[in-house]
Amino acid sequence: MQVADENRAAELMLQIGGSFAQHLARAFKVADSDNRARILAAWPDMFERYHHMAAEREGVALRWDGSPLRYPGPGQTVPR
């Protein structure tokens, strides 16, 4: 996991995580590089889980104008 991924995971932990995840993310954000490494080594599964959730959230297909791309239901056509 790269630094940007770790930061994305920590941001999502702050937004939607439980109280432990939120406190862990706060500690991660204020930690120096040595302590960040210690936090990641102690709770790799927590950061991996939130990293995957962040990637799923960012993987939403968007139209060129930024609106969400929704697939049509039965009998509907794709708007252009």
N, C-alpha and C. Protein backbone atom coordinates (compact mmCIF):
# COMPACT_ATOMS: atom_id res chain seq x y z
N MET A 1 0.85 -1.16 0.00
CA MET A 1 0.00 0.00 0.00
C MET A 1 0.90 1.23 0.00
N GLN A 2 0.57 2.20 -0.83
CA GLN A 2 1.36 3.43 -0.92
C GLN A 2 0.86 4.47 0.08
N VAL A 3 1.63 5.51 0.28
CA VAL A 3 1.28 6.54 1.25
C VAL A 3 -0.07 7.15 0.94
N ALA A 4 -0.35 7.42 -0.33
CA ALA A 4 -1.65 8.00 -0.70
C ALA A 4 -2.78 7.05 -0.33
N ASP A 5 -2.57 5.74 -0.52
CA ASP A 5 -3.59 4.75 -0.16
C ASP A 5 -3.80 4.72 1.35
N GLU A 6 -2.72 4.80 2.09
CA GLU A 6 -2.82 4.81 3.56
C GLU A 6 -3.61 6.03 4.02
N ASN A 7 -3.33 7.18 3.41
CA ASN A 7 -4.05 8.40 3.78
C ASN A 7 -5.53 8.31 3.40
N ARG A 8 -5.82 7.73 2.23
CA ARG A 8 -7.21 7.54 1.82
C ARG A 8 -7.95 6.65 2.81
N ALA A 9 -7.28 5.58 3.22
CA ALA A 9 -7.88 4.66 4.19
C ALA A 9 -8.15 5.38 5.51
N ALA A 10 -7.19 6.17 5.97
CA ALA A 10 -7.36 6.91 7.23
C ALA A 10 -8.51 7.91 7.12
N GLU A 11 -8.63 8.58 5.99
CA GLU A 11 -9.73 9.53 5.79
C GLU A 11 -11.08 8.83 5.88
N LEU A 12 -11.19 7.67 5.24
CA LEU A 12 -12.46 6.94 5.27
C LEU A 12 -12.73 6.40 6.67
N MET A 13 -11.69 6.00 7.38
CA MET A 13 -11.85 5.55 8.77
C MET A 13 -12.45 6.67 9.61
N LEU A 14 -12.00 7.90 9.37
CA LEU A 14 -12.54 9.05 10.10
C LEU A 14 -14.00 9.30 9.74
N GLN A 15 -14.34 9.09 8.47
CA GLN A 15 -15.70 9.39 8.00
C GLN A 15 -16.73 8.36 8.43
N ILE A 16 -16.40 7.08 8.26
CA ILE A 16 -17.44 6.06 8.47
C ILE A 16 -17.06 4.99 9.49
N GLY A 17 -15.86 5.06 10.03
CA GLY A 17 -15.41 4.03 10.95
C GLY A 17 -16.06 4.14 12.32
N GLY A 18 -15.94 3.08 13.06
CA GLY A 18 -16.38 3.09 14.45
C GLY A 18 -15.42 3.93 15.28
N SER A 19 -15.69 4.01 16.58
CA SER A 19 -14.87 4.88 17.41
C SER A 19 -13.40 4.44 17.44
N PHE A 20 -13.13 3.14 17.48
CA PHE A 20 -11.74 2.69 17.48
C PHE A 20 -11.04 3.06 16.18
N ALA A 21 -11.70 2.82 15.07
CA ALA A 21 -11.11 3.15 13.76
C ALA A 21 -10.86 4.65 13.65
N GLN A 22 -11.78 5.46 14.15
CA GLN A 22 -11.61 6.91 14.10
C GLN A 22 -10.42 7.36 14.94
N HIS A 23 -10.29 6.80 16.14
CA HIS A 23 -9.15 7.16 16.99
C HIS A 23 -7.83 6.70 16.38
N LEU A 24 -7.86 5.53 15.79
CA LEU A 24 -6.65 5.01 15.13
C LEU A 24 -6.26 5.91 13.96
N ALA A 25 -7.24 6.34 13.18
CA ALA A 25 -6.97 7.23 12.05
C ALA A 25 -6.42 8.57 12.52
N ARG A 26 -6.97 9.10 13.61
CA ARG A 26 -6.45 10.36 14.15
C ARG A 26 -4.99 10.21 14.58
N ALA A 27 -4.70 9.10 15.27
CA ALA A 27 -3.32 8.85 15.70
C ALA A 27 -2.40 8.72 14.49
N PHE A 28 -2.88 8.04 13.45
CA PHE A 28 -2.09 7.87 12.23
C PHE A 28 -1.79 9.21 11.58
N LYS A 29 -2.78 10.10 11.54
CA LYS A 29 -2.61 11.38 10.87
C LYS A 29 -1.61 12.29 11.58
N VAL A 30 -1.50 12.18 12.90
CA VAL A 30 -0.58 13.06 13.63
C VAL A 30 0.78 12.40 13.91
N ALA A 31 0.90 11.13 13.59
CA ALA A 31 2.14 10.39 13.89
C ALA A 31 3.26 10.76 12.92
N ASP A 32 4.49 10.64 13.42
CA ASP A 32 5.64 10.77 12.54
C ASP A 32 5.80 9.48 11.74
N SER A 33 6.75 9.43 10.83
CA SER A 33 6.87 8.27 9.93
C SER A 33 7.16 6.97 10.68
N ASP A 34 7.95 7.04 11.75
CA ASP A 34 8.23 5.82 12.52
C ASP A 34 6.97 5.28 13.20
N ASN A 35 6.20 6.17 13.80
CA ASN A 35 4.98 5.74 14.48
C ASN A 35 3.88 5.33 13.50
N ARG A 36 3.86 5.96 12.32
CA ARG A 36 2.92 5.51 11.30
C ARG A 36 3.21 4.07 10.90
N ALA A 37 4.49 3.76 10.75
CA ALA A 37 4.89 2.39 10.40
C ALA A 37 4.48 1.42 11.50
N ARG A 38 4.61 1.84 12.75
CA ARG A 38 4.21 0.98 13.86
C ARG A 38 2.70 0.75 13.87
N ILE A 39 1.93 1.79 13.59
CA ILE A 39 0.47 1.66 13.53
C ILE A 39 0.07 0.71 12.40
N LEU A 40 0.68 0.89 11.23
CA LEU A 40 0.37 0.02 10.09
C LEU A 40 0.77 -1.42 10.36
N ALA A 41 1.87 -1.62 11.06
CA ALA A 41 2.31 -2.98 11.38
C ALA A 41 1.38 -3.64 12.40
N ALA A 42 0.83 -2.85 13.30
CA ALA A 42 -0.04 -3.40 14.34
C ALA A 42 -1.46 -3.68 13.84
N TRP A 43 -1.96 -2.88 12.91
CA TRP A 43 -3.33 -3.03 12.42
C TRP A 43 -3.39 -3.02 10.89
N PRO A 44 -2.66 -3.91 10.23
CA PRO A 44 -2.67 -3.90 8.76
C PRO A 44 -4.05 -4.24 8.18
N ASP A 45 -4.78 -5.12 8.84
CA ASP A 45 -6.09 -5.52 8.34
C ASP A 45 -7.08 -4.36 8.35
N MET A 46 -7.00 -3.50 9.36
CA MET A 46 -7.89 -2.35 9.45
C MET A 46 -7.65 -1.40 8.27
N PHE A 47 -6.38 -1.11 7.99
CA PHE A 47 -6.06 -0.19 6.90
C PHE A 47 -6.37 -0.82 5.54
N GLU A 48 -6.13 -2.11 5.39
CA GLU A 48 -6.47 -2.80 4.14
C GLU A 48 -7.97 -2.75 3.88
N ARG A 49 -8.76 -3.03 4.91
CA ARG A 49 -10.22 -3.03 4.76
C ARG A 49 -10.71 -1.67 4.28
N TYR A 50 -10.25 -0.61 4.94
CA TYR A 50 -10.71 0.73 4.56
C TYR A 50 -10.10 1.18 3.23
N HIS A 51 -8.91 0.70 2.92
CA HIS A 51 -8.32 0.99 1.62
C HIS A 51 -9.19 0.41 0.51
N HIS A 52 -9.65 -0.84 0.68
CA HIS A 52 -10.51 -1.47 -0.33
C HIS A 52 -11.85 -0.75 -0.43
N MET A 53 -12.40 -0.35 0.69
CA MET A 53 -13.67 0.39 0.66
C MET A 53 -13.50 1.72 -0.05
N ALA A 54 -12.39 2.41 0.20
CA ALA A 54 -12.14 3.70 -0.46
C ALA A 54 -12.00 3.51 -1.97
N ALA A 55 -11.32 2.45 -2.38
CA ALA A 55 -11.14 2.18 -3.81
C ALA A 55 -12.49 1.90 -4.47
N GLU A 56 -13.34 1.14 -3.79
CA GLU A 56 -14.68 0.87 -4.33
C GLU A 56 -15.47 2.16 -4.49
N ARG A 57 -15.39 3.02 -3.49
CA ARG A 57 -16.12 4.29 -3.56
C ARG A 57 -15.60 5.17 -4.69
N GLU A 58 -14.31 5.15 -4.93
CA GLU A 58 -13.73 5.98 -5.98
C GLU A 58 -13.89 5.36 -7.36
N GLY A 59 -14.29 4.10 -7.42
CA GLY A 59 -14.41 3.41 -8.69
C GLY A 59 -15.73 3.63 -9.40
N VAL A 60 -16.53 4.55 -8.92
CA VAL A 60 -17.81 4.83 -9.56
C VAL A 60 -17.57 5.51 -10.90
N ALA A 61 -18.17 4.97 -11.94
CA ALA A 61 -18.03 5.56 -13.28
C ALA A 61 -18.80 6.88 -13.32
N LEU A 62 -18.17 7.90 -13.89
CA LEU A 62 -18.80 9.21 -14.01
C LEU A 62 -18.85 9.62 -15.48
N ARG A 63 -19.87 10.40 -15.80
CA ARG A 63 -19.96 11.00 -17.14
C ARG A 63 -18.94 12.14 -17.22
N TRP A 64 -18.74 12.65 -18.42
CA TRP A 64 -17.78 13.73 -18.61
C TRP A 64 -18.14 14.97 -17.80
N ASP A 65 -19.44 15.17 -17.49
CA ASP A 65 -19.86 16.35 -16.72
C ASP A 65 -19.83 16.11 -15.21
N GLY A 66 -19.40 14.91 -14.79
CA GLY A 66 -19.28 14.61 -13.37
C GLY A 66 -20.50 13.94 -12.76
N SER A 67 -21.60 13.82 -13.52
CA SER A 67 -22.79 13.16 -12.97
C SER A 67 -22.60 11.65 -12.98
N PRO A 68 -23.20 10.94 -12.04
CA PRO A 68 -23.03 9.48 -11.99
C PRO A 68 -23.60 8.79 -13.21
N LEU A 69 -22.92 7.78 -13.66
CA LEU A 69 -23.39 6.98 -14.79
C LEU A 69 -24.26 5.86 -14.23
N ARG A 70 -25.52 5.86 -14.61
CA ARG A 70 -26.44 4.83 -14.14
C ARG A 70 -26.86 3.99 -15.33
N TYR A 71 -26.89 2.70 -15.11
CA TYR A 71 -27.32 1.81 -16.18
C TYR A 71 -28.83 1.79 -16.24
N PRO A 72 -29.38 1.74 -17.44
CA PRO A 72 -30.84 1.78 -17.57
C PRO A 72 -31.50 0.50 -17.06
N GLY A 73 -32.71 0.67 -16.60
CA GLY A 73 -33.49 -0.49 -16.17
C GLY A 73 -34.13 -1.16 -17.38
N PRO A 74 -34.88 -2.23 -17.17
CA PRO A 74 -35.54 -2.93 -18.28
C PRO A 74 -36.48 -1.99 -19.06
N GLY A 75 -36.33 -2.00 -20.35
CA GLY A 75 -37.19 -1.20 -21.23
C GLY A 75 -36.77 0.25 -21.35
N GLN A 76 -35.70 0.66 -20.70
CA GLN A 76 -35.24 2.04 -20.80
C GLN A 76 -34.05 2.12 -21.73
N THR A 77 -33.83 3.28 -22.28
CA THR A 77 -32.69 3.49 -23.16
C THR A 77 -31.62 4.31 -22.42
N VAL A 78 -30.42 4.22 -22.93
CA VAL A 78 -29.32 4.98 -22.34
C VAL A 78 -29.40 6.42 -22.81
N PRO A 79 -29.48 7.40 -21.87
CA PRO A 79 -29.48 8.80 -22.30
C PRO A 79 -28.12 9.20 -22.84
N ARG A 80 -28.09 10.03 -23.85
CA ARG A 80 -26.83 10.46 -24.47
C ARG A 80 -26.61 11.93 -24.31
